[in-house]
N, C-alpha and C. Protein backbone atom coordinates (compact mmCIF):
# COMPACT_ATOMS: atom_id res chain seq x y z
N UNK A 1 15.07 -17.77 -0.53
CA UNK A 1 15.85 -16.99 0.05
C UNK A 1 16.71 -17.20 0.94
N UNK A 2 18.12 -16.93 1.46
CA UNK A 2 18.46 -17.14 2.27
C UNK A 2 18.14 -16.99 3.48
N UNK A 3 18.86 -17.17 4.81
CA UNK A 3 18.55 -16.88 6.44
C UNK A 3 17.93 -15.82 6.31
N UNK A 4 17.01 -15.94 7.22
CA UNK A 4 15.98 -14.62 7.63
C UNK A 4 15.48 -13.87 6.39
N UNK A 5 15.26 -14.68 5.26
CA UNK A 5 14.79 -13.90 3.86
C UNK A 5 15.80 -12.84 3.62
N UNK A 6 17.11 -12.92 3.71
CA UNK A 6 18.01 -11.94 2.90
C UNK A 6 18.83 -12.87 2.46
N UNK A 7 19.63 -11.89 0.77
CA UNK A 7 20.12 -12.60 0.01
C UNK A 7 19.57 -14.06 -0.89
N UNK A 8 20.43 -14.32 -2.03
CA UNK A 8 19.83 -15.10 -2.63
C UNK A 8 19.66 -16.36 -2.19
N UNK A 9 18.49 -17.25 -2.58
CA UNK A 9 18.17 -18.45 -1.85
C UNK A 9 19.28 -19.49 -1.96
N UNK A 10 19.60 -20.35 -1.15
CA UNK A 10 20.71 -21.19 -1.01
C UNK A 10 20.29 -22.53 -1.96
N UNK A 11 20.96 -23.07 -2.85
CA UNK A 11 20.73 -24.13 -3.61
C UNK A 11 21.46 -25.44 -3.16
N UNK A 12 20.82 -26.53 -2.83
CA UNK A 12 21.40 -27.53 -2.57
C UNK A 12 22.39 -28.26 -3.25
N UNK A 13 23.80 -28.39 -2.52
CA UNK A 13 24.69 -29.11 -2.88
C UNK A 13 24.48 -30.55 -3.66
N UNK A 14 25.14 -30.86 -4.85
CA UNK A 14 24.69 -32.24 -5.06
C UNK A 14 25.49 -33.03 -4.18
N UNK A 15 25.47 -34.24 -3.84
CA UNK A 15 25.88 -35.54 -2.81
C UNK A 15 27.10 -35.61 -3.11
N UNK A 16 28.08 -35.79 -2.52
CA UNK A 16 29.79 -35.93 -2.81
C UNK A 16 29.99 -37.54 -2.20
N UNK A 17 30.81 -37.90 -2.96
CA UNK A 17 31.25 -38.97 -2.59
C UNK A 17 32.15 -38.90 -1.23
N UNK A 18 32.13 -40.28 -0.59
CA UNK A 18 32.53 -40.50 0.89
C UNK A 18 34.25 -39.84 1.00
N UNK A 19 34.62 -40.76 0.01
CA UNK A 19 35.94 -40.67 -0.37
C UNK A 19 36.21 -40.62 -1.51
N UNK A 20 37.06 -39.43 -1.89
CA UNK A 20 37.65 -39.39 -3.09
C UNK A 20 39.04 -39.82 -3.33
N UNK A 21 39.35 -41.03 -3.84
CA UNK A 21 40.21 -41.79 -4.09
C UNK A 21 41.03 -42.08 -5.22
N UNK A 22 42.29 -42.51 -4.92
CA UNK A 22 43.09 -42.63 -6.19
C UNK A 22 42.99 -44.08 -6.47
N UNK A 23 42.55 -44.67 -7.39
CA UNK A 23 41.91 -45.93 -7.60
C UNK A 23 42.82 -46.56 -9.20
N UNK A 24 43.74 -47.67 -8.94
CA UNK A 24 44.30 -48.36 -10.24
C UNK A 24 43.42 -49.51 -10.24
N UNK A 25 43.00 -49.85 -11.39
CA UNK A 25 42.33 -51.04 -12.07
C UNK A 25 42.89 -52.07 -12.86
N UNK A 26 43.19 -53.05 -12.07
CA UNK A 26 43.84 -54.16 -13.15
C UNK A 26 43.08 -55.31 -13.65
N UNK A 27 42.68 -54.59 -14.95
CA UNK A 27 41.54 -55.43 -15.69
C UNK A 27 41.89 -55.60 -17.30
N UNK A 28 42.35 -56.37 -17.98
CA UNK A 28 42.41 -56.77 -19.01
C UNK A 28 41.66 -57.01 -20.24
N UNK A 29 40.36 -57.18 -19.79
CA UNK A 29 39.03 -56.80 -20.62
C UNK A 29 38.96 -55.72 -20.56
N UNK A 30 38.74 -55.13 -21.85
CA UNK A 30 38.39 -53.74 -22.25
C UNK A 30 37.39 -53.23 -21.91
N UNK A 31 36.15 -54.38 -22.05
CA UNK A 31 34.59 -53.52 -21.89
C UNK A 31 34.69 -53.90 -20.33
N UNK A 32 35.09 -54.62 -19.71
CA UNK A 32 35.23 -54.80 -18.46
C UNK A 32 35.69 -53.54 -17.43
N UNK A 33 37.04 -53.34 -17.77
CA UNK A 33 37.51 -52.33 -17.80
C UNK A 33 37.16 -50.77 -17.42
N UNK A 34 36.56 -50.86 -18.88
CA UNK A 34 36.03 -49.61 -18.91
C UNK A 34 34.80 -49.10 -18.08
N UNK A 35 34.04 -50.27 -17.56
CA UNK A 35 32.87 -50.35 -16.66
C UNK A 35 33.56 -49.98 -15.74
N UNK A 36 34.41 -50.62 -14.81
CA UNK A 36 34.97 -50.56 -13.81
C UNK A 36 35.46 -48.83 -13.54
N UNK A 37 36.08 -48.57 -14.55
CA UNK A 37 36.56 -47.18 -14.68
C UNK A 37 35.57 -46.05 -14.72
N UNK A 38 34.74 -46.08 -15.31
CA UNK A 38 33.24 -45.35 -15.45
C UNK A 38 32.31 -45.64 -14.24
N UNK A 39 32.28 -46.55 -13.51
CA UNK A 39 31.20 -46.64 -12.09
C UNK A 39 32.55 -46.17 -11.09
N UNK A 40 33.35 -46.09 -10.76
CA UNK A 40 34.09 -45.54 -10.01
C UNK A 40 34.64 -44.11 -10.37
N UNK A 41 34.85 -43.96 -11.40
CA UNK A 41 34.92 -42.49 -11.78
C UNK A 41 33.70 -41.54 -11.42
N UNK A 42 32.17 -42.08 -11.83
CA UNK A 42 31.21 -41.72 -11.50
C UNK A 42 31.11 -41.60 -10.10
N UNK A 43 31.64 -42.15 -8.93
CA UNK A 43 31.36 -42.33 -7.66
C UNK A 43 32.28 -41.04 -7.18
N UNK A 44 33.15 -40.50 -8.07
CA UNK A 44 34.04 -39.39 -7.36
C UNK A 44 35.36 -39.77 -7.58
N UNK A 45 36.08 -40.97 -7.81
CA UNK A 45 37.29 -41.59 -7.52
C UNK A 45 37.87 -41.20 -8.98
N UNK A 46 39.29 -41.18 -8.58
CA UNK A 46 40.33 -40.84 -10.22
C UNK A 46 40.82 -42.05 -10.31
N UNK A 47 40.36 -43.03 -11.52
CA UNK A 47 40.57 -44.34 -12.03
C UNK A 47 41.65 -44.34 -12.86
N UNK A 48 42.86 -45.14 -12.65
CA UNK A 48 43.80 -45.30 -13.95
C UNK A 48 43.43 -47.05 -14.32
N UNK A 49 43.52 -46.89 -15.19
CA UNK A 49 43.15 -48.55 -15.97
C UNK A 49 44.65 -49.16 -16.53
N UNK A 50 45.12 -50.35 -15.89
CA UNK A 50 45.96 -50.93 -16.68
C UNK A 50 45.51 -52.53 -16.80
N UNK A 51 46.27 -53.08 -18.17
CA UNK A 51 45.72 -54.45 -18.39
C UNK A 51 46.39 -55.62 -17.58
N UNK A 52 47.32 -55.14 -17.02
CA UNK A 52 48.40 -55.82 -16.04
C UNK A 52 49.28 -55.39 -15.27
N UNK A 53 49.42 -55.78 -13.82
CA UNK A 53 50.12 -55.52 -12.84
C UNK A 53 51.46 -54.80 -13.08
N UNK A 54 52.11 -55.50 -13.99
CA UNK A 54 53.73 -55.44 -14.50
C UNK A 54 53.38 -54.05 -15.24
N UNK A 55 52.15 -53.53 -15.78
CA UNK A 55 52.45 -52.24 -16.88
C UNK A 55 51.75 -50.88 -15.62
N UNK A 56 51.52 -51.30 -14.58
CA UNK A 56 50.71 -50.07 -13.74
C UNK A 56 51.98 -49.15 -12.98
N UNK A 57 51.55 -48.02 -13.25
CA UNK A 57 52.29 -46.94 -12.81
C UNK A 57 51.82 -46.15 -11.38
N UNK A 58 52.90 -45.66 -10.60
CA UNK A 58 52.22 -45.15 -9.36
C UNK A 58 51.64 -45.61 -8.47
N UNK A 59 51.50 -46.61 -8.12
CA UNK A 59 51.16 -48.01 -6.95
C UNK A 59 51.72 -47.14 -5.94
N UNK A 60 52.49 -46.36 -5.67
CA UNK A 60 52.73 -45.64 -4.07
C UNK A 60 51.41 -44.77 -3.98
N UNK A 61 51.11 -44.08 -4.50
CA UNK A 61 50.20 -42.75 -4.73
C UNK A 61 48.90 -43.51 -4.92
N UNK A 62 48.10 -44.95 -4.64
CA UNK A 62 47.37 -45.48 -5.14
C UNK A 62 46.36 -45.59 -3.55
N UNK A 63 45.14 -45.23 -3.35
CA UNK A 63 44.16 -45.77 -2.28
C UNK A 63 43.61 -46.99 -2.00
N UNK A 64 43.49 -47.72 -3.59
CA UNK A 64 42.68 -48.94 -3.97
C UNK A 64 43.14 -49.25 -4.92
N UNK A 65 43.08 -51.01 -4.89
CA UNK A 65 43.56 -51.62 -6.10
C UNK A 65 42.64 -52.48 -6.36
N UNK A 66 41.59 -52.48 -8.06
CA UNK A 66 40.69 -53.12 -8.18
C UNK A 66 41.25 -54.02 -9.47
N UNK A 67 41.08 -55.43 -8.96
CA UNK A 67 41.93 -56.47 -9.89
C UNK A 67 40.90 -57.64 -10.14
N UNK A 68 40.91 -58.10 -11.61
CA UNK A 68 40.79 -59.24 -12.07
C UNK A 68 41.53 -60.19 -11.82
N UNK A 69 40.93 -61.14 -10.43
CA UNK A 69 41.95 -62.48 -10.41
C UNK A 69 41.76 -63.48 -11.27
N UNK A 70 41.26 -63.35 -12.10
CA UNK A 70 41.21 -64.16 -13.38
C UNK A 70 42.68 -64.13 -13.99
N UNK A 71 42.90 -63.09 -13.88
CA UNK A 71 44.36 -62.24 -14.85
C UNK A 71 45.73 -62.36 -14.07
N UNK A 72 45.31 -61.82 -12.78
CA UNK A 72 46.45 -61.57 -11.89
C UNK A 72 46.75 -62.65 -10.88
N UNK A 73 48.00 -63.03 -10.33
CA UNK A 73 48.03 -63.76 -8.94
C UNK A 73 47.73 -63.15 -8.11
N UNK A 74 46.44 -63.58 -7.37
CA UNK A 74 46.42 -62.96 -5.91
C UNK A 74 47.55 -62.98 -5.22
N UNK A 75 48.84 -63.74 -4.86
CA UNK A 75 49.66 -63.10 -4.03
C UNK A 75 50.45 -62.06 -4.54
N UNK A 76 50.53 -62.11 -6.12
CA UNK A 76 51.23 -60.59 -6.44
C UNK A 76 50.97 -59.24 -5.74
N UNK A 77 49.53 -59.18 -5.29
CA UNK A 77 48.76 -58.27 -5.79
C UNK A 77 48.75 -57.54 -3.85
N UNK A 78 49.13 -58.55 -3.14
CA UNK A 78 49.10 -58.08 -1.43
C UNK A 78 50.46 -57.46 -1.11
N UNK A 79 50.39 -57.01 -0.18
CA UNK A 79 51.66 -56.50 0.37
C UNK A 79 52.10 -55.15 -0.42
N UNK A 80 51.26 -54.85 -1.33
CA UNK A 80 51.25 -53.14 -2.20
C UNK A 80 51.20 -52.29 -1.20
N UNK A 81 50.56 -52.26 -0.21
CA UNK A 81 50.68 -51.25 0.61
C UNK A 81 48.96 -50.62 0.19
N UNK A 82 48.15 -50.88 -0.08
CA UNK A 82 47.04 -50.68 -0.35
C UNK A 82 45.53 -51.50 -0.37
N UNK A 83 44.49 -51.61 -0.06
CA UNK A 83 43.44 -52.51 0.12
C UNK A 83 43.29 -53.11 -1.31
N UNK A 84 42.87 -54.52 -1.71
CA UNK A 84 42.84 -54.74 -3.08
C UNK A 84 41.21 -55.36 -2.85
N UNK A 85 40.57 -54.99 -4.00
CA UNK A 85 39.21 -55.65 -3.75
C UNK A 85 39.44 -56.27 -5.59
N UNK A 86 39.34 -57.55 -5.29
CA UNK A 86 39.40 -58.56 -6.26
C UNK A 86 38.12 -59.13 -6.77
N UNK A 87 37.98 -59.53 -8.04
CA UNK A 87 37.24 -60.03 -8.45
C UNK A 87 37.16 -61.24 -9.32
N UNK A 88 36.14 -62.09 -9.56
CA UNK A 88 36.60 -63.36 -10.55
C UNK A 88 35.40 -63.85 -10.85
N UNK A 89 35.04 -64.97 -11.72
CA UNK A 89 34.28 -65.32 -12.15
C UNK A 89 33.34 -66.53 -11.13
N UNK A 90 31.94 -66.14 -10.95
CA UNK A 90 31.41 -66.94 -9.70
C UNK A 90 31.56 -68.38 -9.66
N UNK A 91 31.70 -69.04 -10.91
CA UNK A 91 32.15 -70.31 -10.84
C UNK A 91 33.56 -70.87 -10.29
N UNK A 92 34.25 -69.92 -10.31
CA UNK A 92 35.46 -70.53 -10.37
C UNK A 92 35.78 -70.51 -8.78
N UNK A 93 35.93 -71.72 -8.10
CA UNK A 93 36.09 -71.51 -6.57
C UNK A 93 37.51 -71.46 -6.12
N UNK A 94 38.00 -71.92 -7.34
CA UNK A 94 39.97 -72.28 -6.90
C UNK A 94 40.31 -70.68 -6.87
N UNK A 95 39.95 -69.81 -7.59
CA UNK A 95 40.54 -68.21 -7.58
C UNK A 95 40.14 -67.89 -6.54
N UNK A 96 38.60 -67.78 -5.69
CA UNK A 96 38.06 -67.19 -4.52
C UNK A 96 39.29 -67.72 -3.23
N UNK A 97 39.23 -69.15 -3.58
CA UNK A 97 40.28 -70.00 -2.50
C UNK A 97 41.81 -69.16 -2.51
N UNK A 98 42.01 -69.00 -3.76
CA UNK A 98 43.50 -68.30 -3.70
C UNK A 98 43.70 -67.14 -3.10
N UNK A 99 42.25 -66.40 -3.72
CA UNK A 99 42.25 -65.08 -2.94
C UNK A 99 42.41 -64.83 -1.80
N UNK A 100 41.63 -66.18 -1.02
CA UNK A 100 41.23 -65.69 0.42
C UNK A 100 42.98 -66.26 1.05
N UNK A 101 43.19 -67.11 0.28
CA UNK A 101 44.54 -67.82 1.24
C UNK A 101 45.63 -66.64 1.02
N UNK A 102 45.74 -65.82 -0.12
CA UNK A 102 46.59 -64.70 -0.30
C UNK A 102 46.67 -63.56 0.48
N UNK A 103 45.12 -63.43 1.10
CA UNK A 103 45.02 -62.46 2.00
C UNK A 103 44.57 -61.09 1.45
N UNK A 104 43.89 -61.30 0.33
CA UNK A 104 43.09 -60.34 -0.60
C UNK A 104 42.01 -60.01 0.34
N UNK A 105 42.17 -58.31 0.34
CA UNK A 105 41.18 -57.87 1.25
C UNK A 105 39.72 -57.93 0.89
N UNK A 106 39.15 -58.04 -0.08
CA UNK A 106 37.61 -58.56 -0.24
C UNK A 106 37.72 -59.08 -2.00
N UNK A 107 37.32 -60.10 -1.78
CA UNK A 107 37.61 -60.80 -3.36
C UNK A 107 35.86 -61.20 -3.65
N UNK A 108 35.17 -60.72 -4.53
CA UNK A 108 33.85 -61.12 -4.86
C UNK A 108 33.68 -61.53 -6.09
N UNK A 109 32.52 -62.22 -6.54
CA UNK A 109 32.03 -62.69 -7.93
C UNK A 109 32.08 -61.41 -8.44
N UNK A 110 32.30 -61.40 -10.18
CA UNK A 110 32.16 -60.38 -10.87
C UNK A 110 30.88 -59.55 -10.83
N UNK A 111 29.88 -60.61 -11.01
CA UNK A 111 28.32 -60.09 -10.66
C UNK A 111 28.00 -59.20 -9.54
N UNK A 112 28.68 -59.67 -8.59
CA UNK A 112 28.77 -58.51 -7.29
C UNK A 112 29.35 -57.46 -7.28
N UNK A 113 30.56 -57.28 -7.99
CA UNK A 113 31.48 -56.21 -8.28
C UNK A 113 30.49 -55.50 -9.26
N UNK A 114 30.08 -55.82 -9.94
CA UNK A 114 29.33 -54.99 -10.75
C UNK A 114 27.84 -54.33 -10.16
N UNK A 115 27.18 -55.13 -9.04
CA UNK A 115 26.04 -54.50 -8.82
C UNK A 115 26.52 -53.68 -7.76
N UNK A 116 27.64 -53.70 -6.97
CA UNK A 116 27.70 -53.01 -5.99
C UNK A 116 29.11 -52.33 -5.71
N UNK A 117 29.86 -52.11 -6.82
CA UNK A 117 31.26 -51.66 -6.63
C UNK A 117 31.64 -50.40 -5.87
N UNK A 118 30.55 -49.34 -5.75
CA UNK A 118 30.81 -48.14 -5.51
C UNK A 118 30.99 -48.49 -3.54
N UNK A 119 29.98 -49.21 -3.46
CA UNK A 119 29.88 -49.55 -1.98
C UNK A 119 30.80 -50.21 -1.57
N UNK A 120 31.00 -51.44 -2.27
CA UNK A 120 32.40 -52.44 -2.00
C UNK A 120 33.58 -50.92 -1.89
N UNK A 121 34.00 -50.72 -2.86
CA UNK A 121 34.91 -49.43 -2.82
C UNK A 121 35.24 -48.68 -1.64
N UNK A 122 34.17 -48.26 -0.92
CA UNK A 122 33.78 -47.66 -0.13
C UNK A 122 34.13 -47.76 1.40
N UNK A 123 33.75 -49.54 1.55
CA UNK A 123 33.77 -49.92 2.31
C UNK A 123 35.36 -50.53 2.79
N UNK A 124 35.95 -50.47 1.97
CA UNK A 124 37.44 -50.40 1.92
C UNK A 124 38.36 -49.75 2.31
N UNK A 125 37.58 -48.66 1.65
CA UNK A 125 38.50 -47.29 2.03
C UNK A 125 38.20 -46.71 3.07
N UNK A 126 37.10 -46.93 3.86
CA UNK A 126 36.79 -46.56 5.05
C UNK A 126 37.53 -47.53 6.03
N UNK A 127 37.99 -48.47 5.98
CA UNK A 127 38.30 -49.73 6.99
C UNK A 127 39.88 -48.84 7.08
N UNK A 128 39.86 -49.12 8.42
CA UNK A 128 41.30 -48.56 9.29
C UNK A 128 42.56 -49.17 8.39
N UNK A 129 43.76 -48.57 8.24
CA UNK A 129 44.61 -49.11 7.54
C UNK A 129 45.51 -50.25 8.69
């Protein structure tokens, strides 16, 4: 029952993501790209996936860029007007250092991305611009 026993019972709503965002994923690997798309889509975000930055469309309306740093130059990803969540192979120290030097907002090993992807995305989306 509703308040004071009047009307239909209230049904709790399913939890909603903190931020519904437009996400572009730059991931050449089909399986990995599908997992990024599926995971962030399940978190409530609209995800468009491209195999390379040069093929990406609609970047001006993008809230978050998720990119495989093994396939894209980190310097090309900064300055596009949105936060960048980059990922790399955990053994590739040079790529991590290049991402840090370029100013990528958050660069994490691929294994951490797979474990914490929705939380990492929300962290960047919630950060002040």
